[in-house]
């Protein structure tokens, strides 16, 4: 009778693990829906820590329905409506955008340096042009004075 009792204990423990795993998946799906994340077999499996096969076996209809519903989900970001994305996809997009921002900031720094150098060259050219204008004006004045003296 001892062997039967231990088998019963093992079955009870297995049932308890199964119920716990099922609750974990249900809570994960509920939380993902609350956060507005796209629900797929992959994302649920990753977040709940279960295999995709487990989800296909026990939650196939639920997840497929949520996937279908989720294809039409959208969120509004700074006034723009964009499709909802899985956490992994959102992280990839965020990384790409952060890299692009970094490159643009570097480019902006370089362009500001170039602008400063061009402004200096422009100021120098204006100064040289003013110098030539005043020399020209002096030469014209001297020429007119020389003409008027020679006529007199």
C-alpha atoms as a PDB file:
ATOM      1  CA  UNK A   1       0.000   0.000   0.000  1.00  0.00           C
ATOM      2  CA  UNK A   2       3.053   2.285   0.447  1.00  0.00           C
ATOM      3  CA  UNK A   3       3.792   2.297  -3.301  1.00  0.00           C
ATOM      4  CA  UNK A   4       0.223   3.297  -4.134  1.00  0.00           C
ATOM      5  CA  UNK A   5       0.363   6.117  -1.589  1.00  0.00           C
ATOM      6  CA  UNK A   6       3.611   7.485  -3.058  1.00  0.00           C
ATOM      7  CA  UNK A   7       2.172   7.313  -6.594  1.00  0.00           C
ATOM      8  CA  UNK A   8      -0.845   9.245  -5.385  1.00  0.00           C
ATOM      9  CA  UNK A   9       1.494  11.856  -3.885  1.00  0.00           C
ATOM     10  CA  UNK A  10       3.433  12.126  -7.143  1.00  0.00           C
ATOM     11  CA  UNK A  11       0.215  12.538  -9.124  1.00  0.00           C
ATOM     12  CA  UNK A  12      -0.984  15.225  -6.722  1.00  0.00           C
ATOM     13  CA  UNK A  13       2.340  17.078  -7.000  1.00  0.00           C
ATOM     14  CA  UNK A  14       2.229  16.844 -10.812  1.00  0.00           C
ATOM     15  CA  UNK A  15      -1.342  18.170 -10.823  1.00  0.00           C
ATOM     16  CA  UNK A  16      -0.307  21.028  -8.544  1.00  0.00           C
ATOM     17  CA  UNK A  17       2.609  21.961 -10.866  1.00  0.00           C
ATOM     18  CA  UNK A  18       0.271  21.802 -13.845  1.00  0.00           C
ATOM     19  CA  UNK A  19      -2.256  24.108 -12.178  1.00  0.00           C
ATOM     20  CA  UNK A  20       0.537  26.484 -11.165  1.00  0.00           C
ATOM     21  CA  UNK A  21       1.938  26.606 -14.693  1.00  0.00           C
ATOM     22  CA  UNK A  22      -1.522  27.190 -16.127  1.00  0.00           C
ATOM     23  CA  UNK A  23      -2.158  30.061 -13.695  1.00  0.00           C
ATOM     24  CA  UNK A  24       1.220  31.571 -14.535  1.00  0.00           C
ATOM     25  CA  UNK A  25       0.407  31.562 -18.259  1.00  0.00           C
ATOM     26  CA  UNK A  26      -3.028  33.057 -17.634  1.00  0.00           C
ATOM     27  CA  UNK A  27      -1.553  35.798 -15.435  1.00  0.00           C
ATOM     28  CA  UNK A  28       1.135  36.498 -18.030  1.00  0.00           C
ATOM     29  CA  UNK A  29      -1.446  36.857 -20.795  1.00  0.00           C
ATOM     30  CA  UNK A  30      -3.600  39.120 -18.601  1.00  0.00           C
ATOM     31  CA  UNK A  31      -0.605  41.318 -17.770  1.00  0.00           C
ATOM     32  CA  UNK A  32       0.496  41.493 -21.411  1.00  0.00           C
ATOM     33  CA  UNK A  33      -3.001  42.536 -22.455  1.00  0.00           C
ATOM     34  CA  UNK A  34      -3.066  45.173 -19.705  1.00  0.00           C
ATOM     35  CA  UNK A  35       0.239  46.619 -20.977  1.00  0.00           C
ATOM     36  CA  UNK A  36      -1.030  46.546 -24.570  1.00  0.00           C
ATOM     37  CA  UNK A  37       1.680  44.174 -25.782  1.00  0.00           C
ATOM     38  CA  UNK A  38       1.211  42.030 -28.849  1.00  0.00           C
ATOM     39  CA  UNK A  39       0.461  38.478 -27.792  1.00  0.00           C
ATOM     40  CA  UNK A  40       2.133  35.668 -29.715  1.00  0.00           C
ATOM     41  CA  UNK A  41       3.178  32.152 -28.797  1.00  0.00           C
ATOM     42  CA  UNK A  42       6.791  33.336 -28.661  1.00  0.00           C
ATOM     43  CA  UNK A  43       6.222  36.361 -26.414  1.00  0.00           C
ATOM     44  CA  UNK A  44       3.963  34.499 -24.010  1.00  0.00           C
ATOM     45  CA  UNK A  45       6.406  31.572 -23.828  1.00  0.00           C
ATOM     46  CA  UNK A  46       9.316  33.918 -23.102  1.00  0.00           C
ATOM     47  CA  UNK A  47       7.509  35.893 -20.432  1.00  0.00           C
ATOM     48  CA  UNK A  48       5.828  32.926 -18.725  1.00  0.00           C
ATOM     49  CA  UNK A  49       8.907  30.721 -18.925  1.00  0.00           C
ATOM     50  CA  UNK A  50       7.120  27.846 -20.636  1.00  0.00           C
ATOM     51  CA  UNK A  51       7.654  26.120 -23.962  1.00  0.00           C
ATOM     52  CA  UNK A  52       5.759  27.041 -27.088  1.00  0.00           C
ATOM     53  CA  UNK A  53       4.656  23.409 -27.295  1.00  0.00           C
ATOM     54  CA  UNK A  54       2.984  23.767 -23.892  1.00  0.00           C
ATOM     55  CA  UNK A  55       1.130  26.830 -25.162  1.00  0.00           C
ATOM     56  CA  UNK A  56       0.072  25.074 -28.388  1.00  0.00           C
ATOM     57  CA  UNK A  57      -1.194  22.146 -26.335  1.00  0.00           C
ATOM     58  CA  UNK A  58      -3.087  24.084 -23.661  1.00  0.00           C
ATOM     59  CA  UNK A  59      -3.673  27.655 -24.914  1.00  0.00           C
ATOM     60  CA  UNK A  60      -3.755  27.409 -28.707  1.00  0.00           C
ATOM     61  CA  UNK A  61      -7.285  28.771 -29.219  1.00  0.00           C
ATOM     62  CA  UNK A  62      -6.833  31.536 -26.647  1.00  0.00           C
ATOM     63  CA  UNK A  63      -3.549  32.819 -28.057  1.00  0.00           C
ATOM     64  CA  UNK A  64      -4.671  32.528 -31.673  1.00  0.00           C
ATOM     65  CA  UNK A  65      -7.761  34.586 -30.848  1.00  0.00           C
ATOM     66  CA  UNK A  66      -5.675  37.183 -29.023  1.00  0.00           C
ATOM     67  CA  UNK A  67      -3.194  37.263 -31.925  1.00  0.00           C
ATOM     68  CA  UNK A  68      -6.049  37.932 -34.345  1.00  0.00           C
ATOM     69  CA  UNK A  69      -7.411  40.648 -32.066  1.00  0.00           C
ATOM     70  CA  UNK A  70      -3.902  42.018 -31.557  1.00  0.00           C
ATOM     71  CA  UNK A  71      -3.267  42.453 -35.272  1.00  0.00           C
ATOM     72  CA  UNK A  72      -5.664  45.353 -35.164  1.00  0.00           C
ATOM     73  CA  UNK A  73      -4.331  46.856 -31.935  1.00  0.00           C
ATOM     74  CA  UNK A  74      -2.695  50.207 -32.097  1.00  0.00           C
ATOM     75  CA  UNK A  75      -1.332  52.688 -29.614  1.00  0.00           C
ATOM     76  CA  UNK A  76      -1.076  56.452 -29.835  1.00  0.00           C
ATOM     77  CA  UNK A  77       2.435  57.840 -29.357  1.00  0.00           C
ATOM     78  CA  UNK A  78       2.819  61.625 -29.351  1.00  0.00           C
ATOM     79  CA  UNK A  79      -0.360  62.006 -31.387  1.00  0.00           C
ATOM     80  CA  UNK A  80       0.591  59.329 -33.935  1.00  0.00           C
ATOM     81  CA  UNK A  81      -1.267  56.024 -34.123  1.00  0.00           C
ATOM     82  CA  UNK A  82       1.181  53.149 -34.508  1.00  0.00           C
ATOM     83  CA  UNK A  83       0.667  49.376 -34.462  1.00  0.00           C
ATOM     84  CA  UNK A  84       1.276  47.656 -31.136  1.00  0.00           C
ATOM     85  CA  UNK A  85       4.508  45.683 -31.067  1.00  0.00           C
ATOM     86  CA  UNK A  86       5.866  42.801 -29.054  1.00  0.00           C
ATOM     87  CA  UNK A  87       8.337  43.680 -26.326  1.00  0.00           C
ATOM     88  CA  UNK A  88      11.218  42.174 -28.329  1.00  0.00           C
ATOM     89  CA  UNK A  89      10.299  44.040 -31.488  1.00  0.00           C
ATOM     90  CA  UNK A  90       9.840  47.265 -29.549  1.00  0.00           C
ATOM     91  CA  UNK A  91      13.289  46.816 -27.956  1.00  0.00           C
ATOM     92  CA  UNK A  92      14.861  46.280 -31.394  1.00  0.00           C
ATOM     93  CA  UNK A  93      13.197  49.406 -32.759  1.00  0.00           C
ATOM     94  CA  UNK A  94      14.226  51.382 -29.674  1.00  0.00           C
ATOM     95  CA  UNK A  95      17.866  50.298 -30.072  1.00  0.00           C
ATOM     96  CA  UNK A  96      17.858  51.242 -33.763  1.00  0.00           C
ATOM     97  CA  UNK A  97      16.383  54.651 -32.951  1.00  0.00           C
ATOM     98  CA  UNK A  98      18.872  55.257 -30.137  1.00  0.00           C
ATOM     99  CA  UNK A  99      21.732  54.437 -32.551  1.00  0.00           C
ATOM    100  CA  UNK A 100      20.265  56.786 -35.152  1.00  0.00           C
ATOM    101  CA  UNK A 101      19.903  59.558 -32.567  1.00  0.00           C
ATOM    102  CA  UNK A 102      23.535  59.061 -31.558  1.00  0.00           C
ATOM    103  CA  UNK A 103      24.693  59.291 -35.189  1.00  0.00           C
ATOM    104  CA  UNK A 104      22.570  62.402 -35.759  1.00  0.00           C
ATOM    105  CA  UNK A 105      23.945  64.045 -32.603  1.00  0.00           C
ATOM    106  CA  UNK A 106      27.502  63.406 -33.842  1.00  0.00           C
ATOM    107  CA  UNK A 107      26.615  64.821 -37.247  1.00  0.00           C
ATOM    108  CA  UNK A 108      25.025  67.864 -35.597  1.00  0.00           C
ATOM    109  CA  UNK A 109      28.193  68.471 -33.552  1.00  0.00           C
ATOM    110  CA  UNK A 110      30.324  68.282 -36.703  1.00  0.00           C
ATOM    111  CA  UNK A 111      27.979  70.605 -38.599  1.00  0.00           C
ATOM    112  CA  UNK A 112      28.057  73.138 -35.752  1.00  0.00           C
ATOM    113  CA  UNK A 113      31.878  73.122 -35.865  1.00  0.00           C
ATOM    114  CA  UNK A 114      31.780  73.586 -39.644  1.00  0.00           C
ATOM    115  CA  UNK A 115      29.259  76.425 -39.279  1.00  0.00           C
ATOM    116  CA  UNK A 116      31.510  78.181 -36.745  1.00  0.00           C
ATOM    117  CA  UNK A 117      34.501  77.846 -39.100  1.00  0.00           C
ATOM    118  CA  UNK A 118      32.452  79.209 -42.018  1.00  0.00           C
ATOM    119  CA  UNK A 119      31.212  82.128 -39.914  1.00  0.00           C
ATOM    120  CA  UNK A 120      34.838  83.002 -39.068  1.00  0.00           C
ATOM    121  CA  UNK A 121      35.822  82.838 -42.750  1.00  0.00           C
ATOM    122  CA  UNK A 122      32.811  85.009 -43.621  1.00  0.00           C
ATOM    123  CA  UNK A 123      33.739  87.626 -41.012  1.00  0.00           C
ATOM    124  CA  UNK A 124      37.331  87.647 -42.281  1.00  0.00           C
ATOM    125  CA  UNK A 125      36.140  88.014 -45.882  1.00  0.00           C
ATOM    126  CA  UNK A 126      33.854  90.886 -44.862  1.00  0.00           C
ATOM    127  CA  UNK A 127      36.766  92.587 -43.146  1.00  0.00           C
ATOM    128  CA  UNK A 128      38.947  92.154 -46.234  1.00  0.00           C
ATOM    129  CA  UNK A 129      36.157  93.427 -48.471  1.00  0.00           C
ATOM    130  CA  UNK A 130      35.752  96.508 -46.250  1.00  0.00           C
ATOM    131  CA  UNK A 131      39.511  97.092 -46.411  1.00  0.00           C
ATOM    132  CA  UNK A 132      39.436  96.917 -50.238  1.00  0.00           C
ATOM    133  CA  UNK A 133      36.361  99.159 -50.389  1.00  0.00           C
ATOM    134  CA  UNK A 134      38.031 101.819 -48.269  1.00  0.00           C
ATOM    135  CA  UNK A 135      41.260 101.551 -50.346  1.00  0.00           C
ATOM    136  CA  UNK A 136      39.211 101.892 -53.527  1.00  0.00           C
ATOM    137  CA  UNK A 137      37.363 104.888 -52.113  1.00  0.00           C
ATOM    138  CA  UNK A 138      40.670 106.495 -51.129  1.00  0.00           C
ATOM    139  CA  UNK A 139      42.120 105.839 -54.594  1.00  0.00           C
ATOM    140  CA  UNK A 140      39.053 107.321 -56.321  1.00  0.00           C
ATOM    141  CA  UNK A 141      39.185 110.380 -54.055  1.00  0.00           C
ATOM    142  CA  UNK A 142      42.909 110.811 -54.731  1.00  0.00           C
ATOM    143  CA  UNK A 143      42.311 110.431 -58.488  1.00  0.00           C
ATOM    144  CA  UNK A 144      39.542 113.051 -58.450  1.00  0.00           C
ATOM    145  CA  UNK A 145      41.732 115.436 -56.468  1.00  0.00           C
ATOM    146  CA  UNK A 146      44.612 114.894 -58.887  1.00  0.00           C
ATOM    147  CA  UNK A 147      42.315 115.626 -61.878  1.00  0.00           C
ATOM    148  CA  UNK A 148      40.916 118.733 -60.330  1.00  0.00           C
ATOM    149  CA  UNK A 149      44.426 120.007 -59.538  1.00  0.00           C
ATOM    150  CA  UNK A 150      45.645 119.289 -63.028  1.00  0.00           C
ATOM    151  CA  UNK A 151      42.676 121.205 -64.550  1.00  0.00           C
ATOM    152  CA  UNK A 152      43.325 124.173 -62.356  1.00  0.00           C
END
